[in-house]
Amino acid sequence: MAQGYRPDRVGDQIRQELSEILSRGEVHDPGIGFITLTRVKVTPDLQLARVYYTSLGDPNARKETARALTRATGFFRRQIGSRLQLRRVPELEFRFDESIAHQDRIEQILRDIHEADAQRAAESESPASDDGSRIPDRESRIPNPSTNDDRDRG
C-alpha cells in the first residue's frame, strides 16, 4: 500500500529538528562546522533517512565534517526519537549534497555564454573601417532579379 506523502512529511520534520539541534549548539563535536541541511529523503517504509547537507571549506574540511556527522549519528537519532512521535526512528545517513556545486557550475556556464553573446553583438555593431577590408554580405553580392530593368522594357 502506498504511503502517500508521509515520508515527505517525516523528512521535513527530521530536517527541522536536526536544524534546531545544530543551530542551538547541542552537538559539542568541533568537527561539525557550519553546515546547511538541504533536504532529507525518507524511504517509503520510514526505516532510512538520507540527510543531504552542504558545508563551507575545502575537501579536507568536508571529510572532517562527514566523519563528525557519522560520530554524532547516535546522538541525532536519540534527539529525534525524543522529539518526534514515531514508532521507530529511521536510521540516519548523511550525504554531501553535490547538487549545489552542479547548479553553480551550470550558472557559470550560462554567464559565460551570455558574456560571449554580448561581446559578439558589440563587435558586430561596431562600424567597419573604409579601407576595403570588410567582406560584403551575401545579399549585397547577389543581384536581385526583380530590380532588373531589361525585363520591364520588354
N, C-alpha and C. Protein backbone atom coordinates (compact mmCIF):
# COMPACT_ATOMS: atom_id res chain seq x y z
N MET A 1 0.84 -1.18 0.00
CA MET A 1 0.00 0.00 0.00
C MET A 1 0.88 1.24 0.00
N ALA A 2 0.55 2.20 -0.81
CA ALA A 2 1.35 3.41 -0.94
C ALA A 2 1.24 4.27 0.31
N GLN A 3 2.34 4.90 0.67
CA GLN A 3 2.39 5.72 1.88
C GLN A 3 1.93 7.15 1.64
N GLY A 4 1.77 7.56 0.39
CA GLY A 4 1.36 8.93 0.13
C GLY A 4 2.47 9.90 0.43
N TYR A 5 2.16 10.94 1.16
CA TYR A 5 3.13 12.00 1.44
C TYR A 5 3.78 11.85 2.81
N ARG A 6 3.50 10.80 3.51
CA ARG A 6 4.05 10.64 4.85
C ARG A 6 5.58 10.66 4.88
N PRO A 7 6.29 9.94 3.99
CA PRO A 7 7.76 10.03 4.03
C PRO A 7 8.26 11.47 3.83
N ASP A 8 7.59 12.23 2.99
CA ASP A 8 7.99 13.63 2.80
C ASP A 8 7.77 14.45 4.06
N ARG A 9 6.63 14.23 4.72
CA ARG A 9 6.34 14.96 5.95
C ARG A 9 7.33 14.59 7.05
N VAL A 10 7.62 13.30 7.18
CA VAL A 10 8.58 12.86 8.20
C VAL A 10 9.96 13.43 7.89
N GLY A 11 10.35 13.45 6.61
CA GLY A 11 11.63 14.03 6.22
C GLY A 11 11.73 15.50 6.57
N ASP A 12 10.64 16.23 6.34
CA ASP A 12 10.63 17.65 6.70
C ASP A 12 10.76 17.85 8.20
N GLN A 13 10.08 17.01 8.98
CA GLN A 13 10.18 17.12 10.43
C GLN A 13 11.59 16.80 10.91
N ILE A 14 12.20 15.77 10.33
CA ILE A 14 13.56 15.40 10.73
C ILE A 14 14.53 16.54 10.38
N ARG A 15 14.38 17.12 9.18
CA ARG A 15 15.26 18.22 8.79
C ARG A 15 15.11 19.40 9.75
N GLN A 16 13.86 19.70 10.12
CA GLN A 16 13.61 20.82 11.03
C GLN A 16 14.24 20.55 12.40
N GLU A 17 14.08 19.35 12.92
CA GLU A 17 14.64 19.03 14.24
C GLU A 17 16.16 19.02 14.21
N LEU A 18 16.74 18.44 13.15
CA LEU A 18 18.20 18.44 13.04
C LEU A 18 18.75 19.86 12.92
N SER A 19 18.05 20.70 12.19
CA SER A 19 18.48 22.10 12.06
C SER A 19 18.45 22.80 13.41
N GLU A 20 17.43 22.56 14.19
CA GLU A 20 17.36 23.17 15.52
C GLU A 20 18.48 22.66 16.41
N ILE A 21 18.75 21.37 16.36
CA ILE A 21 19.82 20.79 17.18
C ILE A 21 21.16 21.42 16.81
N LEU A 22 21.41 21.56 15.51
CA LEU A 22 22.69 22.12 15.07
C LEU A 22 22.79 23.62 15.35
N SER A 23 21.69 24.34 15.17
CA SER A 23 21.75 25.79 15.36
C SER A 23 21.86 26.18 16.84
N ARG A 24 21.32 25.36 17.72
CA ARG A 24 21.40 25.67 19.15
C ARG A 24 22.72 25.23 19.77
N GLY A 25 23.54 24.53 18.99
CA GLY A 25 24.84 24.11 19.52
C GLY A 25 24.76 22.96 20.49
N GLU A 26 23.75 22.11 20.35
CA GLU A 26 23.61 20.97 21.25
C GLU A 26 24.64 19.89 20.97
N VAL A 27 25.21 19.88 19.79
CA VAL A 27 26.26 18.93 19.44
C VAL A 27 27.59 19.60 19.77
N HIS A 28 28.39 18.93 20.57
CA HIS A 28 29.63 19.53 21.04
C HIS A 28 30.86 19.02 20.29
N ASP A 29 30.64 18.46 19.12
CA ASP A 29 31.75 17.97 18.31
C ASP A 29 32.33 19.13 17.50
N PRO A 30 33.61 19.46 17.68
CA PRO A 30 34.18 20.59 16.94
C PRO A 30 34.33 20.31 15.45
N GLY A 31 34.26 19.06 15.04
CA GLY A 31 34.39 18.72 13.63
C GLY A 31 33.20 19.15 12.80
N ILE A 32 32.06 19.31 13.45
CA ILE A 32 30.87 19.77 12.73
C ILE A 32 30.96 21.28 12.65
N GLY A 33 31.31 21.74 11.48
CA GLY A 33 31.44 23.18 11.27
C GLY A 33 30.11 23.77 10.87
N PHE A 34 30.18 24.78 10.04
CA PHE A 34 28.97 25.44 9.56
C PHE A 34 28.42 24.61 8.41
N ILE A 35 27.29 23.93 8.65
CA ILE A 35 26.67 23.13 7.61
C ILE A 35 25.24 23.58 7.41
N THR A 36 24.73 23.31 6.23
CA THR A 36 23.35 23.61 5.90
C THR A 36 22.68 22.32 5.46
N LEU A 37 21.58 22.00 6.09
CA LEU A 37 20.83 20.82 5.68
C LEU A 37 19.93 21.21 4.52
N THR A 38 20.14 20.58 3.37
CA THR A 38 19.38 20.96 2.19
C THR A 38 18.09 20.17 2.05
N ARG A 39 18.12 18.88 2.37
CA ARG A 39 16.90 18.07 2.26
C ARG A 39 17.11 16.76 3.00
N VAL A 40 16.00 16.12 3.29
CA VAL A 40 16.01 14.79 3.91
C VAL A 40 15.05 13.92 3.12
N LYS A 41 15.56 12.82 2.60
CA LYS A 41 14.72 11.87 1.86
C LYS A 41 14.54 10.64 2.73
N VAL A 42 13.29 10.29 2.97
CA VAL A 42 12.97 9.13 3.79
C VAL A 42 12.40 8.05 2.89
N THR A 43 12.83 6.82 3.11
CA THR A 43 12.32 5.70 2.32
C THR A 43 10.84 5.49 2.64
N PRO A 44 10.09 4.87 1.73
CA PRO A 44 8.65 4.69 1.96
C PRO A 44 8.31 3.89 3.22
N ASP A 45 9.21 2.99 3.64
CA ASP A 45 8.93 2.23 4.87
C ASP A 45 9.40 2.94 6.13
N LEU A 46 9.89 4.17 5.99
CA LEU A 46 10.32 5.03 7.11
C LEU A 46 11.46 4.42 7.92
N GLN A 47 12.28 3.58 7.29
CA GLN A 47 13.38 2.93 8.01
C GLN A 47 14.71 3.65 7.82
N LEU A 48 14.84 4.42 6.75
CA LEU A 48 16.10 5.08 6.45
C LEU A 48 15.83 6.52 6.04
N ALA A 49 16.61 7.43 6.60
CA ALA A 49 16.52 8.85 6.22
C ALA A 49 17.89 9.29 5.73
N ARG A 50 17.94 9.73 4.48
CA ARG A 50 19.18 10.26 3.91
C ARG A 50 19.15 11.78 4.08
N VAL A 51 20.11 12.27 4.83
CA VAL A 51 20.20 13.69 5.14
C VAL A 51 21.27 14.30 4.24
N TYR A 52 20.86 15.23 3.37
CA TYR A 52 21.79 15.89 2.46
C TYR A 52 22.17 17.23 3.06
N TYR A 53 23.47 17.53 3.01
CA TYR A 53 23.97 18.76 3.61
C TYR A 53 25.04 19.38 2.72
N THR A 54 25.30 20.64 2.93
CA THR A 54 26.42 21.34 2.31
C THR A 54 27.23 21.99 3.42
N SER A 55 28.49 22.20 3.14
CA SER A 55 29.35 22.85 4.13
C SER A 55 30.36 23.74 3.43
N LEU A 56 30.88 24.67 4.16
CA LEU A 56 31.90 25.56 3.64
C LEU A 56 33.26 24.95 3.88
N GLY A 57 34.20 25.28 3.02
CA GLY A 57 35.56 24.82 3.23
C GLY A 57 36.07 23.95 2.11
N ASP A 58 37.32 23.56 2.26
CA ASP A 58 37.99 22.74 1.25
C ASP A 58 37.59 21.26 1.42
N PRO A 59 38.03 20.40 0.52
CA PRO A 59 37.66 18.98 0.62
C PRO A 59 38.09 18.31 1.92
N ASN A 60 39.21 18.74 2.51
CA ASN A 60 39.63 18.14 3.79
C ASN A 60 38.64 18.50 4.89
N ALA A 61 38.18 19.73 4.92
CA ALA A 61 37.19 20.13 5.92
C ALA A 61 35.88 19.39 5.69
N ARG A 62 35.56 19.14 4.43
CA ARG A 62 34.34 18.40 4.11
C ARG A 62 34.42 16.97 4.63
N LYS A 63 35.59 16.34 4.49
CA LYS A 63 35.77 14.98 5.00
C LYS A 63 35.67 14.95 6.53
N GLU A 64 36.25 15.95 7.17
CA GLU A 64 36.18 16.03 8.63
C GLU A 64 34.73 16.22 9.10
N THR A 65 33.99 17.03 8.38
CA THR A 65 32.58 17.22 8.72
C THR A 65 31.80 15.92 8.56
N ALA A 66 32.08 15.17 7.49
CA ALA A 66 31.41 13.89 7.27
C ALA A 66 31.72 12.91 8.41
N ARG A 67 32.98 12.86 8.84
CA ARG A 67 33.34 11.97 9.96
C ARG A 67 32.64 12.41 11.25
N ALA A 68 32.58 13.71 11.50
CA ALA A 68 31.95 14.21 12.72
C ALA A 68 30.44 13.90 12.71
N LEU A 69 29.81 14.05 11.55
CA LEU A 69 28.38 13.74 11.47
C LEU A 69 28.14 12.25 11.69
N THR A 70 29.03 11.41 11.19
CA THR A 70 28.91 9.97 11.41
C THR A 70 29.06 9.65 12.89
N ARG A 71 30.01 10.31 13.57
CA ARG A 71 30.18 10.10 15.01
C ARG A 71 28.95 10.53 15.80
N ALA A 72 28.27 11.57 15.34
CA ALA A 72 27.14 12.13 16.09
C ALA A 72 25.80 11.52 15.68
N THR A 73 25.79 10.53 14.81
CA THR A 73 24.54 9.96 14.31
C THR A 73 23.69 9.40 15.44
N GLY A 74 24.29 8.70 16.38
CA GLY A 74 23.53 8.14 17.52
C GLY A 74 22.86 9.24 18.34
N PHE A 75 23.59 10.30 18.59
CA PHE A 75 23.03 11.43 19.33
C PHE A 75 21.84 12.03 18.58
N PHE A 76 22.00 12.22 17.28
CA PHE A 76 20.90 12.77 16.48
C PHE A 76 19.68 11.87 16.53
N ARG A 77 19.87 10.56 16.43
CA ARG A 77 18.72 9.63 16.45
C ARG A 77 18.00 9.69 17.80
N ARG A 78 18.77 9.75 18.88
CA ARG A 78 18.13 9.84 20.21
C ARG A 78 17.32 11.12 20.34
N GLN A 79 17.88 12.23 19.87
CA GLN A 79 17.18 13.50 19.95
C GLN A 79 15.90 13.49 19.11
N ILE A 80 16.00 12.96 17.91
CA ILE A 80 14.80 12.89 17.05
C ILE A 80 13.76 11.97 17.67
N GLY A 81 14.20 10.86 18.23
CA GLY A 81 13.26 9.94 18.88
C GLY A 81 12.52 10.57 20.04
N SER A 82 13.20 11.44 20.78
CA SER A 82 12.54 12.07 21.92
C SER A 82 11.64 13.23 21.49
N ARG A 83 11.90 13.81 20.32
CA ARG A 83 11.13 14.98 19.88
C ARG A 83 9.96 14.63 18.96
N LEU A 84 10.08 13.56 18.18
CA LEU A 84 9.03 13.19 17.24
C LEU A 84 8.30 11.94 17.74
N GLN A 85 7.05 11.87 17.43
CA GLN A 85 6.24 10.72 17.83
C GLN A 85 6.25 9.68 16.70
N LEU A 86 7.32 8.90 16.67
CA LEU A 86 7.46 7.85 15.67
C LEU A 86 7.61 6.51 16.38
N ARG A 87 7.03 5.49 15.78
CA ARG A 87 7.16 4.16 16.37
C ARG A 87 8.61 3.70 16.32
N ARG A 88 9.26 3.96 15.20
CA ARG A 88 10.67 3.61 15.05
C ARG A 88 11.38 4.79 14.39
N VAL A 89 12.49 5.18 14.99
CA VAL A 89 13.26 6.31 14.46
C VAL A 89 14.10 5.79 13.29
N PRO A 90 14.03 6.43 12.14
CA PRO A 90 14.80 5.94 10.99
C PRO A 90 16.30 6.05 11.21
N GLU A 91 17.02 5.16 10.55
CA GLU A 91 18.48 5.26 10.51
C GLU A 91 18.84 6.54 9.77
N LEU A 92 19.84 7.23 10.22
CA LEU A 92 20.26 8.47 9.56
C LEU A 92 21.52 8.20 8.75
N GLU A 93 21.50 8.66 7.53
CA GLU A 93 22.65 8.54 6.64
C GLU A 93 22.95 9.93 6.08
N PHE A 94 24.11 10.46 6.41
CA PHE A 94 24.48 11.81 5.98
C PHE A 94 25.24 11.72 4.66
N ARG A 95 24.82 12.56 3.70
CA ARG A 95 25.47 12.62 2.39
C ARG A 95 25.71 14.08 2.02
N PHE A 96 26.88 14.32 1.44
CA PHE A 96 27.18 15.67 0.98
C PHE A 96 26.36 15.93 -0.28
N ASP A 97 25.73 17.09 -0.34
CA ASP A 97 24.84 17.42 -1.46
C ASP A 97 25.66 18.06 -2.57
N GLU A 98 25.86 17.30 -3.65
CA GLU A 98 26.63 17.76 -4.79
C GLU A 98 25.80 18.66 -5.72
N SER A 99 24.50 18.67 -5.55
CA SER A 99 23.65 19.41 -6.49
C SER A 99 23.92 20.91 -6.46
N ILE A 100 24.32 21.45 -5.33
CA ILE A 100 24.62 22.87 -5.23
C ILE A 100 25.83 23.21 -6.10
N ALA A 101 26.85 22.38 -6.05
CA ALA A 101 28.04 22.62 -6.87
C ALA A 101 27.70 22.51 -8.35
N HIS A 102 26.83 21.56 -8.70
CA HIS A 102 26.42 21.41 -10.09
C HIS A 102 25.62 22.64 -10.55
N GLN A 103 24.77 23.15 -9.70
CA GLN A 103 23.99 24.34 -10.05
C GLN A 103 24.91 25.54 -10.26
N ASP A 104 25.91 25.68 -9.40
CA ASP A 104 26.86 26.79 -9.56
C ASP A 104 27.62 26.67 -10.88
N ARG A 105 28.00 25.46 -11.24
CA ARG A 105 28.72 25.25 -12.49
C ARG A 105 27.84 25.59 -13.70
N ILE A 106 26.58 25.19 -13.67
CA ILE A 106 25.65 25.49 -14.76
C ILE A 106 25.45 27.00 -14.87
N GLU A 107 25.28 27.68 -13.75
CA GLU A 107 25.11 29.13 -13.77
C GLU A 107 26.35 29.83 -14.32
N GLN A 108 27.54 29.32 -14.00
CA GLN A 108 28.77 29.90 -14.52
C GLN A 108 28.84 29.73 -16.03
N ILE A 109 28.46 28.56 -16.53
CA ILE A 109 28.46 28.32 -17.98
C ILE A 109 27.48 29.26 -18.67
N LEU A 110 26.29 29.43 -18.10
CA LEU A 110 25.31 30.33 -18.70
C LEU A 110 25.80 31.77 -18.70
N ARG A 111 26.46 32.19 -17.61
CA ARG A 111 27.03 33.54 -17.58
C ARG A 111 28.08 33.72 -18.66
N ASP A 112 28.93 32.70 -18.85
CA ASP A 112 29.95 32.79 -19.89
C ASP A 112 29.33 32.88 -21.28
N ILE A 113 28.27 32.14 -21.52
CA ILE A 113 27.58 32.18 -22.81
C ILE A 113 26.99 33.56 -23.05
N HIS A 114 26.34 34.12 -22.04
CA HIS A 114 25.75 35.45 -22.18
C HIS A 114 26.83 36.51 -22.43
N GLU A 115 27.95 36.40 -21.74
CA GLU A 115 29.04 37.35 -21.96
C GLU A 115 29.59 37.23 -23.37
N ALA A 116 29.74 36.00 -23.87
CA ALA A 116 30.25 35.80 -25.23
C ALA A 116 29.26 36.35 -26.26
N ASP A 117 27.96 36.14 -26.03
CA ASP A 117 26.95 36.70 -26.94
C ASP A 117 26.98 38.22 -26.93
N ALA A 118 27.10 38.81 -25.78
CA ALA A 118 27.15 40.27 -25.68
C ALA A 118 28.41 40.80 -26.37
N GLN A 119 29.49 40.08 -26.24
CA GLN A 119 30.73 40.52 -26.88
C GLN A 119 30.60 40.43 -28.40
N ARG A 120 30.00 39.35 -28.90
CA ARG A 120 29.79 39.22 -30.34
C ARG A 120 28.87 40.30 -30.86
N ALA A 121 27.82 40.60 -30.10
CA ALA A 121 26.88 41.65 -30.53
C ALA A 121 27.58 43.00 -30.57
N ALA A 122 28.43 43.27 -29.61
CA ALA A 122 29.15 44.54 -29.59
C ALA A 122 30.12 44.62 -30.76
N GLU A 123 30.75 43.51 -31.10
CA GLU A 123 31.68 43.51 -32.23
C GLU A 123 30.95 43.70 -33.55
N SER A 124 29.76 43.12 -33.69
CA SER A 124 29.03 43.25 -34.95
C SER A 124 28.42 44.64 -35.12
N GLU A 125 28.17 45.34 -34.03
CA GLU A 125 27.62 46.69 -34.10
C GLU A 125 28.69 47.75 -34.34
N SER A 126 29.94 47.41 -34.11
CA SER A 126 31.00 48.41 -34.29
C SER A 126 31.13 48.72 -35.78
N PRO A 127 31.34 50.00 -36.14
CA PRO A 127 31.42 50.38 -37.56
C PRO A 127 32.67 49.81 -38.20
N ALA A 128 32.53 49.36 -39.46
CA ALA A 128 33.65 48.80 -40.19
C ALA A 128 34.47 49.94 -40.79
N SER A 129 35.75 49.72 -40.90
CA SER A 129 36.61 50.76 -41.48
C SER A 129 36.45 50.76 -42.99
N ASP A 130 36.77 51.88 -43.63
CA ASP A 130 36.59 52.05 -45.08
C ASP A 130 37.84 51.68 -45.87
N ASP A 131 38.72 50.85 -45.34
CA ASP A 131 39.93 50.50 -46.06
C ASP A 131 39.73 49.33 -47.01
N GLY A 132 38.52 48.86 -47.17
CA GLY A 132 38.21 47.79 -48.10
C GLY A 132 38.41 46.41 -47.51
N SER A 133 38.70 46.31 -46.24
CA SER A 133 38.92 45.01 -45.63
C SER A 133 37.61 44.32 -45.26
N ARG A 134 36.52 45.01 -45.34
CA ARG A 134 35.22 44.45 -44.98
C ARG A 134 34.75 43.52 -46.09
N ILE A 135 34.32 42.34 -45.72
CA ILE A 135 33.79 41.37 -46.67
C ILE A 135 32.31 41.68 -46.85
N PRO A 136 31.85 41.85 -48.09
CA PRO A 136 30.44 42.19 -48.29
C PRO A 136 29.53 41.02 -47.90
N ASP A 137 28.34 41.37 -47.46
CA ASP A 137 27.35 40.36 -47.10
C ASP A 137 26.92 39.62 -48.35
N ARG A 138 26.34 38.45 -48.14
CA ARG A 138 25.89 37.63 -49.24
C ARG A 138 24.81 38.35 -50.04
N GLU A 139 23.92 39.05 -49.38
CA GLU A 139 22.84 39.74 -50.06
C GLU A 139 23.35 40.85 -50.98
N SER A 140 24.46 41.49 -50.62
CA SER A 140 24.97 42.57 -51.44
C SER A 140 25.73 42.05 -52.66
N ARG A 141 26.15 40.79 -52.66
CA ARG A 141 26.88 40.22 -53.79
C ARG A 141 25.95 39.61 -54.84
N ILE A 142 24.76 39.17 -54.45
CA ILE A 142 23.83 38.52 -55.38
C ILE A 142 22.87 39.57 -55.92
N PRO A 143 22.79 39.68 -57.26
CA PRO A 143 21.86 40.66 -57.83
C PRO A 143 20.42 40.22 -57.62
N ASN A 144 19.57 41.18 -57.42
CA ASN A 144 18.15 40.91 -57.21
C ASN A 144 17.46 40.90 -58.58
N PRO A 145 16.87 39.78 -59.00
CA PRO A 145 16.26 39.71 -60.33
C PRO A 145 15.03 40.60 -60.47
N SER A 146 14.37 40.94 -59.40
CA SER A 146 13.16 41.76 -59.52
C SER A 146 13.50 43.22 -59.85
N THR A 147 14.73 43.63 -59.65
CA THR A 147 15.11 45.00 -59.96
C THR A 147 15.79 45.12 -61.33
N ASN A 148 15.78 44.06 -62.09
CA ASN A 148 16.40 44.06 -63.41
C ASN A 148 15.56 44.92 -64.36
N ASP A 149 16.17 45.98 -64.97
CA ASP A 149 15.44 46.90 -65.83
C ASP A 149 15.14 46.32 -67.20
N ASP A 150 15.89 45.32 -67.65
CA ASP A 150 15.68 44.76 -69.00
C ASP A 150 14.33 44.08 -69.13
N ARG A 151 13.83 43.47 -68.08
CA ARG A 151 12.54 42.79 -68.15
C ARG A 151 11.39 43.78 -68.25
N ASP A 152 11.51 44.93 -67.62
CA ASP A 152 10.42 45.91 -67.62
C ASP A 152 10.25 46.55 -69.00
N ARG A 153 11.29 46.65 -69.76
CA ARG A 153 11.19 47.30 -71.08
C ARG A 153 10.60 46.37 -72.11
N GLY A 154 10.73 45.11 -71.94
CA GLY A 154 10.23 44.08 -72.70
C GLY A 154 9.78 43.99 -74.00
